[in-house]
Amino acid sequence: MSYLGEQVKKIVIFDGKAKIGEIMGGLASIQLKPEDFSSPIALQMAFSRIYEGVIKALEEGPKKKYVAEVRMTDSLGNQVVIGVDLGEAPPPFSKSEVKARITVEIFEEEEV
């Protein structure tokens, strides 16, 4: 919905903390999800997926990536954690724990 050509939107800014760390690039996609624990079969399939991911990462060789684990508290008091890929070069921070500002923009997509 827009008025006089302007898009209606809501912007909310949260403050949080970020922990900077390193991960092996090929291992970033290897993760367990809550649904992987829904049954013994689902867990076996998850282990197979993880095994294939580890083998693929070992074949490609080690690639170091820097990431930030960003933690914040949302408007309802829930703890929210997101990961941010910072690339392969070391980030320009002197500390491993820094502040984070998270901007959430809520809007309707204009139909074309």
Protein backbone atom coordinates (compact mmCIF):
# COMPACT_ATOMS: atom_id res chain seq x y z
CA MET A 1 0.00 0.00 0.00
CA SER A 2 1.38 3.40 -0.86
CA TYR A 3 0.24 6.98 -0.58
CA LEU A 4 1.17 9.44 -3.31
CA GLY A 5 3.84 7.08 -4.64
CA GLU A 6 5.47 6.50 -1.27
CA GLN A 7 5.80 3.04 0.18
CA VAL A 8 4.42 2.49 3.68
CA LYS A 9 6.95 0.77 5.91
CA LYS A 10 7.91 0.28 9.53
CA ILE A 11 11.55 0.34 10.62
CA VAL A 12 12.65 -1.03 14.00
CA ILE A 13 16.24 -0.91 15.25
CA PHE A 14 17.57 -3.36 17.84
CA ASP A 15 20.88 -3.27 19.70
CA GLY A 16 22.72 -6.50 20.33
CA LYS A 17 26.11 -8.10 20.68
CA ALA A 18 28.20 -9.96 18.13
CA LYS A 19 30.85 -12.58 18.75
CA ILE A 20 33.40 -12.76 15.92
CA GLY A 21 34.89 -16.16 15.13
CA GLU A 22 36.29 -18.41 12.45
CA ILE A 23 34.72 -21.42 10.79
CA MET A 24 35.84 -23.76 8.07
CA GLY A 25 34.04 -22.58 4.91
CA GLY A 26 32.88 -26.00 3.73
CA LEU A 27 31.55 -26.93 7.15
CA ALA A 28 29.18 -23.96 7.44
CA SER A 29 26.32 -25.87 5.80
CA ILE A 30 26.66 -28.82 8.16
CA GLN A 31 24.08 -28.41 10.89
CA LEU A 32 21.45 -30.25 12.85
CA LYS A 33 17.90 -28.89 12.75
CA PRO A 34 15.09 -29.54 15.24
CA GLU A 35 13.24 -31.71 12.71
CA ASP A 36 16.32 -34.00 12.54
CA PHE A 37 15.35 -35.24 16.01
CA SER A 38 11.73 -36.02 15.12
CA SER A 39 12.41 -39.75 14.61
CA PRO A 40 15.29 -42.25 14.52
CA ILE A 41 15.08 -42.32 10.71
CA ALA A 42 15.29 -38.52 10.49
CA LEU A 43 18.36 -38.57 12.74
CA GLN A 44 20.05 -41.24 10.59
CA MET A 45 19.35 -39.18 7.48
CA ALA A 46 20.85 -36.12 9.20
CA PHE A 47 24.01 -38.06 10.09
CA SER A 48 24.29 -39.17 6.46
CA ARG A 49 23.88 -35.57 5.28
CA ILE A 50 26.55 -34.41 7.76
CA TYR A 51 28.92 -37.21 6.73
CA GLU A 52 28.56 -36.26 3.05
CA GLY A 53 29.17 -32.60 3.92
CA VAL A 54 32.33 -33.43 5.87
CA ILE A 55 33.69 -35.60 3.04
CA LYS A 56 32.96 -32.85 0.49
CA ALA A 57 34.66 -30.23 2.71
CA LEU A 58 37.74 -32.44 3.08
CA GLU A 59 37.93 -32.97 -0.68
CA GLU A 60 37.73 -29.23 -1.39
CA GLY A 61 40.37 -28.38 1.21
CA PRO A 62 40.22 -26.00 4.14
CA LYS A 63 38.81 -22.50 3.61
CA LYS A 64 38.69 -20.22 6.60
CA LYS A 65 35.71 -17.86 6.91
CA TYR A 66 34.97 -15.24 9.49
CA VAL A 67 31.47 -15.04 10.93
CA ALA A 68 29.61 -13.07 13.56
CA GLU A 69 27.15 -14.70 15.92
CA VAL A 70 24.74 -11.83 16.58
CA ARG A 71 22.49 -11.99 19.66
CA MET A 72 19.63 -9.65 20.41
CA THR A 73 16.35 -9.54 22.30
CA ASP A 74 13.26 -8.92 20.18
CA SER A 75 10.25 -6.73 21.04
CA LEU A 76 8.55 -9.64 22.84
CA GLY A 77 11.57 -10.47 25.01
CA ASN A 78 12.71 -13.49 22.99
CA GLN A 79 16.42 -14.14 22.51
CA VAL A 80 17.26 -14.13 18.77
CA VAL A 81 20.53 -15.40 17.29
CA ILE A 82 21.61 -14.92 13.69
CA GLY A 83 24.81 -15.60 11.82
CA VAL A 84 26.51 -13.07 9.56
CA ASP A 85 29.16 -14.09 7.01
CA LEU A 86 32.05 -11.60 7.22
CA GLY A 87 34.07 -13.11 4.37
CA GLU A 88 37.50 -14.71 4.12
CA ALA A 89 39.55 -11.68 5.22
CA PRO A 90 39.92 -10.95 8.95
CA PRO A 91 37.38 -8.31 10.02
CA PRO A 92 38.78 -4.93 11.13
CA PHE A 93 37.85 -5.32 14.80
CA SER A 94 40.34 -5.36 17.66
CA LYS A 95 38.07 -7.44 19.92
CA SER A 96 36.22 -10.71 19.35
CA GLU A 97 33.06 -9.34 21.00
CA VAL A 98 31.56 -6.17 19.55
CA LYS A 99 28.23 -4.35 19.51
CA ALA A 100 25.68 -4.92 16.76
CA ARG A 101 22.82 -2.83 15.47
CA ILE A 102 20.06 -4.77 13.71
CA THR A 103 17.61 -2.95 11.43
CA VAL A 104 14.31 -4.59 10.55
CA GLU A 105 12.28 -3.02 7.76
CA ILE A 106 8.71 -4.23 7.30
CA PHE A 107 6.87 -3.36 4.10
CA GLU A 108 4.50 -4.68 1.46
CA GLU A 109 5.87 -5.62 -1.92
CA GLU A 110 4.45 -3.58 -4.73
CA GLU A 111 2.58 -5.72 -7.22
CA VAL A 112 3.71 -5.28 -10.81
